C-alpha cells in the first residue's frame, strides 16, 4: 500500500518524486494499492504522479495495480482528473468521495 496524502506542491518535484520512481522501478510486489488522498496538487505534481503510476505499470514484476482516488465531496475537478488518468493508463481506479471535514 502506497499512500500520498495532504498537499503536493514541492518547489522541485523531481527531487521529491525521484525516490518514489526508483522504488516503483525496483518494486518486486505483484500487487500495488496506490491511495491518493491529496487535498491539492499542482500541475508539476500531477505530471509526476502520472509518471509514478506509469512506472508501476511498466515494472514487469507488478501484475496488478489499483488506484484509490480520494476526492473532496463535491470536487468534481479532482474526480475528473482521476478519470482522465484512468482513461490514459487503462487500469482500475476506485473513486472515494470524502466529506470536507475528513479531508
PDB file of N, CA and C in Angstrom:
ATOM      1  N   UNK A   1       0.864  -1.182   0.000  1.00  0.00           N
ATOM      2  CA  UNK A   1       0.000   0.000   0.000  1.00  0.00           C
ATOM      3  C   UNK A   1       0.899   1.228   0.000  1.00  0.00           C
ATOM      4  N   UNK A   2       0.735   2.044  -1.008  1.00  0.00           N
ATOM      5  CA  UNK A   2       1.435   3.318  -1.106  1.00  0.00           C
ATOM      6  C   UNK A   2       0.384   4.408  -1.015  1.00  0.00           C
ATOM      7  N   UNK A   3       0.593   5.357  -0.108  1.00  0.00           N
ATOM      8  CA  UNK A   3      -0.367   6.439   0.068  1.00  0.00           C
ATOM      9  C   UNK A   3       0.335   7.778  -0.059  1.00  0.00           C
ATOM     10  N   UNK A   4      -0.201   8.630  -0.908  1.00  0.00           N
ATOM     11  CA  UNK A   4       0.206  10.033  -0.966  1.00  0.00           C
ATOM     12  C   UNK A   4      -0.949  10.823  -0.379  1.00  0.00           C
ATOM     13  N   UNK A   5      -0.649  11.602   0.654  1.00  0.00           N
ATOM     14  CA  UNK A   5      -1.709  12.283   1.383  1.00  0.00           C
ATOM     15  C   UNK A   5      -1.292  13.714   1.689  1.00  0.00           C
ATOM     16  N   UNK A   6      -2.269  14.615   1.632  1.00  0.00           N
ATOM     17  CA  UNK A   6      -2.020  16.014   2.006  1.00  0.00           C
ATOM     18  C   UNK A   6      -2.035  16.918   0.790  1.00  0.00           C
ATOM     19  N   UNK A   7      -0.982  17.715   0.675  1.00  0.00           N
ATOM     20  CA  UNK A   7      -0.839  18.651  -0.434  1.00  0.00           C
ATOM     21  C   UNK A   7       0.491  18.373  -1.120  1.00  0.00           C
ATOM     22  N   UNK A   8       0.495  18.434  -2.447  1.00  0.00           N
ATOM     23  CA  UNK A   8       1.733  18.196  -3.186  1.00  0.00           C
ATOM     24  C   UNK A   8       2.015  19.397  -4.072  1.00  0.00           C
ATOM     25  N   UNK A   9       2.919  20.236  -3.613  1.00  0.00           N
ATOM     26  CA  UNK A   9       3.358  21.367  -4.405  1.00  0.00           C
ATOM     27  C   UNK A   9       4.820  21.681  -4.099  1.00  0.00           C
ATOM     28  N   UNK A  10       5.687  20.653  -4.234  1.00  0.00           N
ATOM     29  CA  UNK A  10       7.094  20.870  -3.924  1.00  0.00           C
ATOM     30  C   UNK A  10       7.724  21.858  -4.902  1.00  0.00           C
ATOM     31  N   UNK A  11       8.710  22.583  -4.386  1.00  0.00           N
ATOM     32  CA  UNK A  11       9.418  23.549  -5.220  1.00  0.00           C
ATOM     33  C   UNK A  11      10.103  22.850  -6.386  1.00  0.00           C
ATOM     34  N   UNK A  12      10.699  21.694  -6.094  1.00  0.00           N
ATOM     35  CA  UNK A  12      11.321  20.894  -7.142  1.00  0.00           C
ATOM     36  C   UNK A  12      10.736  19.485  -7.084  1.00  0.00           C
ATOM     37  N   UNK A  13       9.696  19.228  -7.868  1.00  0.00           N
ATOM     38  CA  UNK A  13       9.027  17.923  -7.796  1.00  0.00           C
ATOM     39  C   UNK A  13       9.937  16.755  -8.170  1.00  0.00           C
ATOM     40  N   UNK A  14      10.935  16.986  -9.005  1.00  0.00           N
ATOM     41  CA  UNK A  14      11.840  15.889  -9.374  1.00  0.00           C
ATOM     42  C   UNK A  14      12.588  15.365  -8.155  1.00  0.00           C
ATOM     43  N   UNK A  15      13.045  16.256  -7.304  1.00  0.00           N
ATOM     44  CA  UNK A  15      13.772  15.834  -6.100  1.00  0.00           C
ATOM     45  C   UNK A  15      12.850  15.038  -5.183  1.00  0.00           C
ATOM     46  N   UNK A  16      11.614  15.489  -5.028  1.00  0.00           N
ATOM     47  CA  UNK A  16      10.678  14.792  -4.146  1.00  0.00           C
ATOM     48  C   UNK A  16      10.276  13.434  -4.706  1.00  0.00           C
ATOM     49  N   UNK A  17       9.912  13.384  -5.988  1.00  0.00           N
ATOM     50  CA  UNK A  17       9.348  12.158  -6.558  1.00  0.00           C
ATOM     51  C   UNK A  17      10.389  11.147  -7.038  1.00  0.00           C
ATOM     52  N   UNK A  18      11.643  11.559  -7.246  1.00  0.00           N
ATOM     53  CA  UNK A  18      12.648  10.637  -7.763  1.00  0.00           C
ATOM     54  C   UNK A  18      12.810   9.381  -6.901  1.00  0.00           C
ATOM     55  N   UNK A  19      12.878   9.475  -5.558  1.00  0.00           N
ATOM     56  CA  UNK A  19      12.964   8.230  -4.777  1.00  0.00           C
ATOM     57  C   UNK A  19      11.755   7.312  -4.964  1.00  0.00           C
ATOM     58  N   UNK A  20      10.583   7.897  -5.177  1.00  0.00           N
ATOM     59  CA  UNK A  20       9.390   7.074  -5.432  1.00  0.00           C
ATOM     60  C   UNK A  20       9.493   6.384  -6.792  1.00  0.00           C
ATOM     61  N   UNK A  21      10.034   7.094  -7.792  1.00  0.00           N
ATOM     62  CA  UNK A  21      10.237   6.483  -9.108  1.00  0.00           C
ATOM     63  C   UNK A  21      11.191   5.293  -8.999  1.00  0.00           C
ATOM     64  N   UNK A  22      12.273   5.490  -8.267  1.00  0.00           N
ATOM     65  CA  UNK A  22      13.245   4.407  -8.102  1.00  0.00           C
ATOM     66  C   UNK A  22      12.603   3.207  -7.414  1.00  0.00           C
ATOM     67  N   UNK A  23      11.800   3.476  -6.389  1.00  0.00           N
ATOM     68  CA  UNK A  23      11.123   2.399  -5.682  1.00  0.00           C
ATOM     69  C   UNK A  23      10.165   1.658  -6.618  1.00  0.00           C
ATOM     70  N   UNK A  24       9.415   2.415  -7.419  1.00  0.00           N
ATOM     71  CA  UNK A  24       8.467   1.808  -8.358  1.00  0.00           C
ATOM     72  C   UNK A  24       9.198   0.927  -9.365  1.00  0.00           C
ATOM     73  N   UNK A  25      10.344   1.383  -9.835  1.00  0.00           N
ATOM     74  CA  UNK A  25      11.119   0.601 -10.811  1.00  0.00           C
ATOM     75  C   UNK A  25      11.664  -0.682 -10.198  1.00  0.00           C
ATOM     76  N   UNK A  26      12.009  -0.649  -8.911  1.00  0.00           N
ATOM     77  CA  UNK A  26      12.633  -1.790  -8.252  1.00  0.00           C
ATOM     78  C   UNK A  26      11.640  -2.658  -7.482  1.00  0.00           C
ATOM     79  N   UNK A  27      10.416  -2.236  -7.415  1.00  0.00           N
ATOM     80  CA  UNK A  27       9.404  -2.934  -6.626  1.00  0.00           C
ATOM     81  C   UNK A  27       9.256  -4.382  -7.103  1.00  0.00           C
ATOM     82  N   UNK A  28       9.223  -5.305  -6.144  1.00  0.00           N
ATOM     83  CA  UNK A  28       9.073  -6.711  -6.508  1.00  0.00           C
ATOM     84  C   UNK A  28       7.715  -7.268  -6.069  1.00  0.00           C
ATOM     85  N   UNK A  29       6.820  -6.389  -5.637  1.00  0.00           N
ATOM     86  CA  UNK A  29       5.483  -6.827  -5.247  1.00  0.00           C
ATOM     87  C   UNK A  29       4.632  -7.076  -6.481  1.00  0.00           C
ATOM     88  N   UNK A  30       3.770  -8.073  -6.411  1.00  0.00           N
ATOM     89  CA  UNK A  30       2.895  -8.360  -7.545  1.00  0.00           C
ATOM     90  C   UNK A  30       1.671  -7.454  -7.567  1.00  0.00           C
ATOM     91  N   UNK A  31       1.254  -6.981  -6.402  1.00  0.00           N
ATOM     92  CA  UNK A  31       0.040  -6.165  -6.313  1.00  0.00           C
ATOM     93  C   UNK A  31       0.353  -4.860  -5.575  1.00  0.00           C
ATOM     94  N   UNK A  32      -0.088  -3.752  -6.149  1.00  0.00           N
ATOM     95  CA  UNK A  32       0.102  -2.431  -5.559  1.00  0.00           C
ATOM     96  C   UNK A  32      -1.259  -1.772  -5.378  1.00  0.00           C
ATOM     97  N   UNK A  33      -1.529  -1.326  -4.163  1.00  0.00           N
ATOM     98  CA  UNK A  33      -2.674  -0.467  -3.886  1.00  0.00           C
ATOM     99  C   UNK A  33      -2.124   0.937  -3.679  1.00  0.00           C
ATOM    100  N   UNK A  34      -2.492   1.834  -4.559  1.00  0.00           N
ATOM    101  CA  UNK A  34      -1.969   3.195  -4.531  1.00  0.00           C
ATOM    102  C   UNK A  34      -3.104   4.138  -4.175  1.00  0.00           C
ATOM    103  N   UNK A  35      -3.055   4.695  -2.966  1.00  0.00           N
ATOM    104  CA  UNK A  35      -4.100   5.607  -2.497  1.00  0.00           C
ATOM    105  C   UNK A  35      -3.631   7.044  -2.632  1.00  0.00           C
ATOM    106  N   UNK A  36      -4.420   7.826  -3.315  1.00  0.00           N
ATOM    107  CA  UNK A  36      -4.146   9.257  -3.452  1.00  0.00           C
ATOM    108  C   UNK A  36      -5.192  10.009  -2.653  1.00  0.00           C
ATOM    109  N   UNK A  37      -4.733  10.662  -1.596  1.00  0.00           N
ATOM    110  CA  UNK A  37      -5.620  11.433  -0.724  1.00  0.00           C
ATOM    111  C   UNK A  37      -5.105  12.871  -0.698  1.00  0.00           C
ATOM    112  N   UNK A  38      -5.034  13.458  -1.878  1.00  0.00           N
ATOM    113  CA  UNK A  38      -4.436  14.778  -1.990  1.00  0.00           C
ATOM    114  C   UNK A  38      -5.503  15.872  -1.996  1.00  0.00           C
ATOM    115  N   UNK A  39      -5.411  16.718  -1.018  1.00  0.00           N
ATOM    116  CA  UNK A  39      -6.299  17.872  -0.932  1.00  0.00           C
ATOM    117  C   UNK A  39      -6.035  18.820  -2.099  1.00  0.00           C
ATOM    118  N   UNK A  40      -4.748  18.936  -2.467  1.00  0.00           N
ATOM    119  CA  UNK A  40      -4.351  19.799  -3.580  1.00  0.00           C
ATOM    120  C   UNK A  40      -3.047  19.279  -4.155  1.00  0.00           C
ATOM    121  N   UNK A  41      -2.910  19.337  -5.476  1.00  0.00           N
ATOM    122  CA  UNK A  41      -1.627  19.075  -6.124  1.00  0.00           C
ATOM    123  C   UNK A  41      -1.527  19.975  -7.343  1.00  0.00           C
ATOM    124  N   UNK A  42      -0.330  20.533  -7.535  1.00  0.00           N
ATOM    125  CA  UNK A  42      -0.134  21.462  -8.647  1.00  0.00           C
ATOM    126  C   UNK A  42       0.139  20.681  -9.939  1.00  0.00           C
ATOM    127  N   UNK A  43       0.278  21.412 -11.034  1.00  0.00           N
ATOM    128  CA  UNK A  43       0.466  20.791 -12.347  1.00  0.00           C
ATOM    129  C   UNK A  43       1.728  19.945 -12.396  1.00  0.00           C
ATOM    130  N   UNK A  44       2.812  20.456 -11.817  1.00  0.00           N
ATOM    131  CA  UNK A  44       4.068  19.695 -11.819  1.00  0.00           C
ATOM    132  C   UNK A  44       3.898  18.381 -11.060  1.00  0.00           C
ATOM    133  N   UNK A  45       3.202  18.415  -9.938  1.00  0.00           N
ATOM    134  CA  UNK A  45       2.954  17.188  -9.171  1.00  0.00           C
ATOM    135  C   UNK A  45       2.064  16.234  -9.945  1.00  0.00           C
ATOM    136  N   UNK A  46       1.089  16.773 -10.659  1.00  0.00           N
ATOM    137  CA  UNK A  46       0.189  15.942 -11.449  1.00  0.00           C
ATOM    138  C   UNK A  46       0.980  15.110 -12.457  1.00  0.00           C
ATOM    139  N   UNK A  47       1.935  15.745 -13.116  1.00  0.00           N
ATOM    140  CA  UNK A  47       2.764  15.036 -14.091  1.00  0.00           C
ATOM    141  C   UNK A  47       3.604  13.956 -13.405  1.00  0.00           C
ATOM    142  N   UNK A  48       4.113  14.257 -12.230  1.00  0.00           N
ATOM    143  CA  UNK A  48       4.938  13.301 -11.500  1.00  0.00           C
ATOM    144  C   UNK A  48       4.102  12.104 -11.029  1.00  0.00           C
ATOM    145  N   UNK A  49       2.892  12.370 -10.563  1.00  0.00           N
ATOM    146  CA  UNK A  49       2.007  11.293 -10.110  1.00  0.00           C
ATOM    147  C   UNK A  49       1.658  10.373 -11.279  1.00  0.00           C
ATOM    148  N   UNK A  50       1.355  10.965 -12.417  1.00  0.00           N
ATOM    149  CA  UNK A  50       1.060  10.181 -13.613  1.00  0.00           C
ATOM    150  C   UNK A  50       2.261   9.314 -13.977  1.00  0.00           C
ATOM    151  N   UNK A  51       3.446   9.894 -13.945  1.00  0.00           N
ATOM    152  CA  UNK A  51       4.674   9.162 -14.257  1.00  0.00           C
ATOM    153  C   UNK A  51       4.909   8.039 -13.253  1.00  0.00           C
ATOM    154  N   UNK A  52       4.644   8.292 -11.993  1.00  0.00           N
ATOM    155  CA  UNK A  52       4.815   7.265 -10.961  1.00  0.00           C
ATOM    156  C   UNK A  52       3.928   6.052 -11.247  1.00  0.00           C
ATOM    157  N   UNK A  53       2.673   6.305 -11.565  1.00  0.00           N
ATOM    158  CA  UNK A  53       1.765   5.197 -11.875  1.00  0.00           C
ATOM    159  C   UNK A  53       2.256   4.437 -13.112  1.00  0.00           C
ATOM    160  N   UNK A  54       2.699   5.173 -14.136  1.00  0.00           N
ATOM    161  CA  UNK A  54       3.220   4.522 -15.350  1.00  0.00           C
ATOM    162  C   UNK A  54       4.429   3.655 -15.048  1.00  0.00           C
ATOM    163  N   UNK A  55       5.251   4.083 -14.113  1.00  0.00           N
ATOM    164  CA  UNK A  55       6.432   3.287 -13.780  1.00  0.00           C
ATOM    165  C   UNK A  55       6.040   1.975 -13.111  1.00  0.00           C
ATOM    166  N   UNK A  56       4.991   2.002 -12.305  1.00  0.00           N
ATOM    167  CA  UNK A  56       4.480   0.741 -11.762  1.00  0.00           C
ATOM    168  C   UNK A  56       3.945  -0.141 -12.889  1.00  0.00           C
ATOM    169  N   UNK A  57       3.206   0.459 -13.811  1.00  0.00           N
ATOM    170  CA  UNK A  57       2.655  -0.293 -14.938  1.00  0.00           C
ATOM    171  C   UNK A  57       3.777  -0.931 -15.758  1.00  0.00           C
ATOM    172  N   UNK A  58       4.865  -0.211 -15.951  1.00  0.00           N
ATOM    173  CA  UNK A  58       5.972  -0.698 -16.779  1.00  0.00           C
ATOM    174  C   UNK A  58       6.905  -1.653 -16.050  1.00  0.00           C
ATOM    175  N   UNK A  59       6.712  -1.826 -14.753  1.00  0.00           N
ATOM    176  CA  UNK A  59       7.524  -2.764 -13.981  1.00  0.00           C
ATOM    177  C   UNK A  59       6.967  -4.172 -14.226  1.00  0.00           C
ATOM    178  N   UNK A  60       7.735  -5.046 -14.845  1.00  0.00           N
ATOM    179  CA  UNK A  60       7.210  -6.373 -15.201  1.00  0.00           C
ATOM    180  C   UNK A  60       6.860  -7.247 -13.992  1.00  0.00           C
ATOM    181  N   UNK A  61       7.390  -6.940 -12.814  1.00  0.00           N
ATOM    182  CA  UNK A  61       7.081  -7.744 -11.623  1.00  0.00           C
ATOM    183  C   UNK A  61       5.724  -7.375 -11.037  1.00  0.00           C
ATOM    184  N   UNK A  62       5.264  -6.178 -11.308  1.00  0.00           N
ATOM    185  CA  UNK A  62       3.966  -5.731 -10.785  1.00  0.00           C
ATOM    186  C   UNK A  62       2.878  -6.221 -11.748  1.00  0.00           C
ATOM    187  N   UNK A  63       2.005  -7.069 -11.235  1.00  0.00           N
ATOM    188  CA  UNK A  63       0.961  -7.677 -12.077  1.00  0.00           C
ATOM    189  C   UNK A  63      -0.390  -6.975 -11.937  1.00  0.00           C
ATOM    190  N   UNK A  64      -0.602  -6.318 -10.801  1.00  0.00           N
ATOM    191  CA  UNK A  64      -1.913  -5.718 -10.540  1.00  0.00           C
ATOM    192  C   UNK A  64      -1.725  -4.391  -9.808  1.00  0.00           C
ATOM    193  N   UNK A  65      -2.397  -3.371 -10.313  1.00  0.00           N
ATOM    194  CA  UNK A  65      -2.356  -2.038  -9.694  1.00  0.00           C
ATOM    195  C   UNK A  65      -3.790  -1.564  -9.503  1.00  0.00           C
ATOM    196  N   UNK A  66      -4.098  -1.107  -8.309  1.00  0.00           N
ATOM    197  CA  UNK A  66      -5.392  -0.492  -8.018  1.00  0.00           C
ATOM    198  C   UNK A  66      -5.118   0.898  -7.475  1.00  0.00           C
ATOM    199  N   UNK A  67      -5.710   1.888  -8.101  1.00  0.00           N
ATOM    200  CA  UNK A  67      -5.583   3.265  -7.627  1.00  0.00           C
ATOM    201  C   UNK A  67      -6.869   3.634  -6.899  1.00  0.00           C
ATOM    202  N   UNK A  68      -6.709   4.075  -5.666  1.00  0.00           N
ATOM    203  CA  UNK A  68      -7.840   4.574  -4.878  1.00  0.00           C
ATOM    204  C   UNK A  68      -7.741   6.095  -4.879  1.00  0.00           C
ATOM    205  N   UNK A  69      -8.638   6.720  -5.603  1.00  0.00           N
ATOM    206  CA  UNK A  69      -8.609   8.166  -5.821  1.00  0.00           C
ATOM    207  C   UNK A  69      -9.603   8.829  -4.875  1.00  0.00           C
ATOM    208  N   UNK A  70      -9.092   9.406  -3.808  1.00  0.00           N
ATOM    209  CA  UNK A  70      -9.924  10.111  -2.833  1.00  0.00           C
ATOM    210  C   UNK A  70     -10.079  11.560  -3.286  1.00  0.00           C
ATOM    211  N   UNK A  71     -11.289  12.055  -3.232  1.00  0.00           N
ATOM    212  CA  UNK A  71     -11.533  13.448  -3.601  1.00  0.00           C
ATOM    213  C   UNK A  71     -12.551  14.043  -2.644  1.00  0.00           C
ATOM    214  N   UNK A  72     -12.401  15.345  -2.448  1.00  0.00           N
ATOM    215  CA  UNK A  72     -13.287  16.042  -1.519  1.00  0.00           C
ATOM    216  C   UNK A  72     -14.708  16.104  -2.065  1.00  0.00           C
ATOM    217  N   UNK A  73     -15.652  15.914  -1.183  1.00  0.00           N
ATOM    218  CA  UNK A  73     -17.069  15.943  -1.533  1.00  0.00           C
ATOM    219  C   UNK A  73     -17.374  17.161  -2.404  1.00  0.00           C
ATOM    220  N   UNK A  74     -17.939  16.908  -3.578  1.00  0.00           N
ATOM    221  CA  UNK A  74     -18.326  17.974  -4.487  1.00  0.00           C
ATOM    222  C   UNK A  74     -17.212  18.485  -5.385  1.00  0.00           C
ATOM    223  N   UNK A  75     -15.985  18.013  -5.215  1.00  0.00           N
ATOM    224  CA  UNK A  75     -14.854  18.480  -6.029  1.00  0.00           C
ATOM    225  C   UNK A  75     -14.794  17.654  -7.311  1.00  0.00           C
ATOM    226  N   UNK A  76     -15.637  18.027  -8.248  1.00  0.00           N
ATOM    227  CA  UNK A  76     -15.733  17.280  -9.498  1.00  0.00           C
ATOM    228  C   UNK A  76     -14.467  17.400 -10.342  1.00  0.00           C
ATOM    229  N   UNK A  77     -13.735  18.529 -10.210  1.00  0.00           N
ATOM    230  CA  UNK A  77     -12.491  18.685 -10.958  1.00  0.00           C
ATOM    231  C   UNK A  77     -11.490  17.605 -10.567  1.00  0.00           C
ATOM    232  N   UNK A  78     -11.383  17.343  -9.283  1.00  0.00           N
ATOM    233  CA  UNK A  78     -10.459  16.307  -8.809  1.00  0.00           C
ATOM    234  C   UNK A  78     -10.905  14.931  -9.287  1.00  0.00           C
ATOM    235  N   UNK A  79     -12.184  14.650  -9.192  1.00  0.00           N
ATOM    236  CA  UNK A  79     -12.696  13.366  -9.652  1.00  0.00           C
ATOM    237  C   UNK A  79     -12.426  13.201 -11.150  1.00  0.00           C
ATOM    238  N   UNK A  80     -12.656  14.250 -11.927  1.00  0.00           N
ATOM    239  CA  UNK A  80     -12.435  14.186 -13.370  1.00  0.00           C
ATOM    240  C   UNK A  80     -10.960  13.989 -13.711  1.00  0.00           C
ATOM    241  N   UNK A  81     -10.071  14.554 -12.905  1.00  0.00           N
ATOM    242  CA  UNK A  81      -8.637  14.335 -13.119  1.00  0.00           C
ATOM    243  C   UNK A  81      -8.327  12.850 -12.962  1.00  0.00           C
ATOM    244  N   UNK A  82      -8.882  12.222 -11.937  1.00  0.00           N
ATOM    245  CA  UNK A  82      -8.697  10.787 -11.759  1.00  0.00           C
ATOM    246  C   UNK A  82      -9.246   9.999 -12.942  1.00  0.00           C
ATOM    247  N   UNK A  83     -10.391  10.405 -13.454  1.00  0.00           N
ATOM    248  CA  UNK A  83     -10.982   9.719 -14.603  1.00  0.00           C
ATOM    249  C   UNK A  83     -10.108   9.866 -15.853  1.00  0.00           C
ATOM    250  N   UNK A  84      -9.487  11.032 -16.004  1.00  0.00           N
ATOM    251  CA  UNK A  84      -8.575  11.224 -17.139  1.00  0.00           C
ATOM    252  C   UNK A  84      -7.370  10.300 -17.022  1.00  0.00           C
ATOM    253  N   UNK A  85      -6.805  10.214 -15.816  1.00  0.00           N
ATOM    254  CA  UNK A  85      -5.689   9.289 -15.586  1.00  0.00           C
ATOM    255  C   UNK A  85      -6.110   7.870 -15.935  1.00  0.00           C
ATOM    256  N   UNK A  86      -7.289   7.486 -15.458  1.00  0.00           N
ATOM    257  CA  UNK A  86      -7.764   6.123 -15.682  1.00  0.00           C
ATOM    258  C   UNK A  86      -7.886   5.829 -17.176  1.00  0.00           C
ATOM    259  N   UNK A  87      -8.424   6.772 -17.935  1.00  0.00           N
ATOM    260  CA  UNK A  87      -8.577   6.574 -19.378  1.00  0.00           C
ATOM    261  C   UNK A  87      -7.227   6.441 -20.070  1.00  0.00           C
ATOM    262  N   UNK A  88      -6.258   7.220 -19.622  1.00  0.00           N
ATOM    263  CA  UNK A  88      -4.940   7.188 -20.247  1.00  0.00           C
ATOM    264  C   UNK A  88      -4.120   5.966 -19.847  1.00  0.00           C
ATOM    265  N   UNK A  89      -4.318   5.493 -18.621  1.00  0.00           N
ATOM    266  CA  UNK A  89      -3.489   4.415 -18.087  1.00  0.00           C
ATOM    267  C   UNK A  89      -4.098   3.028 -18.238  1.00  0.00           C
ATOM    268  N   UNK A  90      -5.413   2.961 -18.429  1.00  0.00           N
ATOM    269  CA  UNK A  90      -6.110   1.680 -18.632  1.00  0.00           C
ATOM    270  C   UNK A  90      -5.924   0.715 -17.458  1.00  0.00           C
ATOM    271  N   UNK A  91      -6.047   1.232 -16.246  1.00  0.00           N
ATOM    272  CA  UNK A  91      -6.006   0.399 -15.040  1.00  0.00           C
ATOM    273  C   UNK A  91      -7.204   0.777 -14.177  1.00  0.00           C
ATOM    274  N   UNK A  92      -7.590  -0.111 -13.256  1.00  0.00           N
ATOM    275  CA  UNK A  92      -8.766   0.187 -12.433  1.00  0.00           C
ATOM    276  C   UNK A  92      -8.508   1.286 -11.402  1.00  0.00           C
ATOM    277  N   UNK A  93      -9.493   2.147 -11.252  1.00  0.00           N
ATOM    278  CA  UNK A  93      -9.499   3.196 -10.239  1.00  0.00           C
ATOM    279  C   UNK A  93     -10.752   3.017  -9.396  1.00  0.00           C
ATOM    280  N   UNK A  94     -10.618   3.271  -8.127  1.00  0.00           N
ATOM    281  CA  UNK A  94     -11.768   3.326  -7.229  1.00  0.00           C
ATOM    282  C   UNK A  94     -11.878   4.780  -6.765  1.00  0.00           C
ATOM    283  N   UNK A  95     -13.063   5.350  -6.906  1.00  0.00           N
ATOM    284  CA  UNK A  95     -13.265   6.757  -6.529  1.00  0.00           C
ATOM    285  C   UNK A  95     -13.959   6.806  -5.182  1.00  0.00           C
ATOM    286  N   UNK A  96     -13.350   7.550  -4.275  1.00  0.00           N
ATOM    287  CA  UNK A  96     -13.853   7.626  -2.904  1.00  0.00           C
ATOM    288  C   UNK A  96     -14.098   9.082  -2.553  1.00  0.00           C
ATOM    289  N   UNK A  97     -15.369   9.434  -2.457  1.00  0.00           N
ATOM    290  CA  UNK A  97     -15.739  10.795  -2.094  1.00  0.00           C
ATOM    291  C   UNK A  97     -15.651  10.941  -0.583  1.00  0.00           C
ATOM    292  N   UNK A  98     -14.896  11.939  -0.141  1.00  0.00           N
ATOM    293  CA  UNK A  98     -14.628  12.147   1.289  1.00  0.00           C
ATOM    294  C   UNK A  98     -15.259  13.464   1.721  1.00  0.00           C
ATOM    295  N   UNK A  99     -16.017  13.456   2.828  1.00  0.00           N
ATOM    296  CA  UNK A  99     -16.598  14.708   3.327  1.00  0.00           C
ATOM    297  C   UNK A  99     -15.490  15.738   3.596  1.00  0.00           C
ATOM    298  N   UNK A 100     -15.802  16.994   3.356  1.00  0.00           N
ATOM    299  CA  UNK A 100     -14.830  18.079   3.518  1.00  0.00           C
ATOM    300  C   UNK A 100     -14.189  18.061   4.906  1.00  0.00           C
ATOM    301  N   UNK A 101     -14.959  17.721   5.903  1.00  0.00           N
ATOM    302  CA  UNK A 101     -14.449  17.728   7.287  1.00  0.00           C
ATOM    303  C   UNK A 101     -13.431  16.620   7.535  1.00  0.00           C
ATOM    304  N   UNK A 102     -13.384  15.601   6.682  1.00  0.00           N
ATOM    305  CA  UNK A 102     -12.457  14.485   6.878  1.00  0.00           C
ATOM    306  C   UNK A 102     -11.260  14.545   5.954  1.00  0.00           C
ATOM    307  N   UNK A 103     -11.232  15.497   5.045  1.00  0.00           N
ATOM    308  CA  UNK A 103     -10.164  15.530   4.050  1.00  0.00           C
ATOM    309  C   UNK A 103      -8.925  16.166   4.563  1.00  0.00           C
TER     310      UNK A 103
END
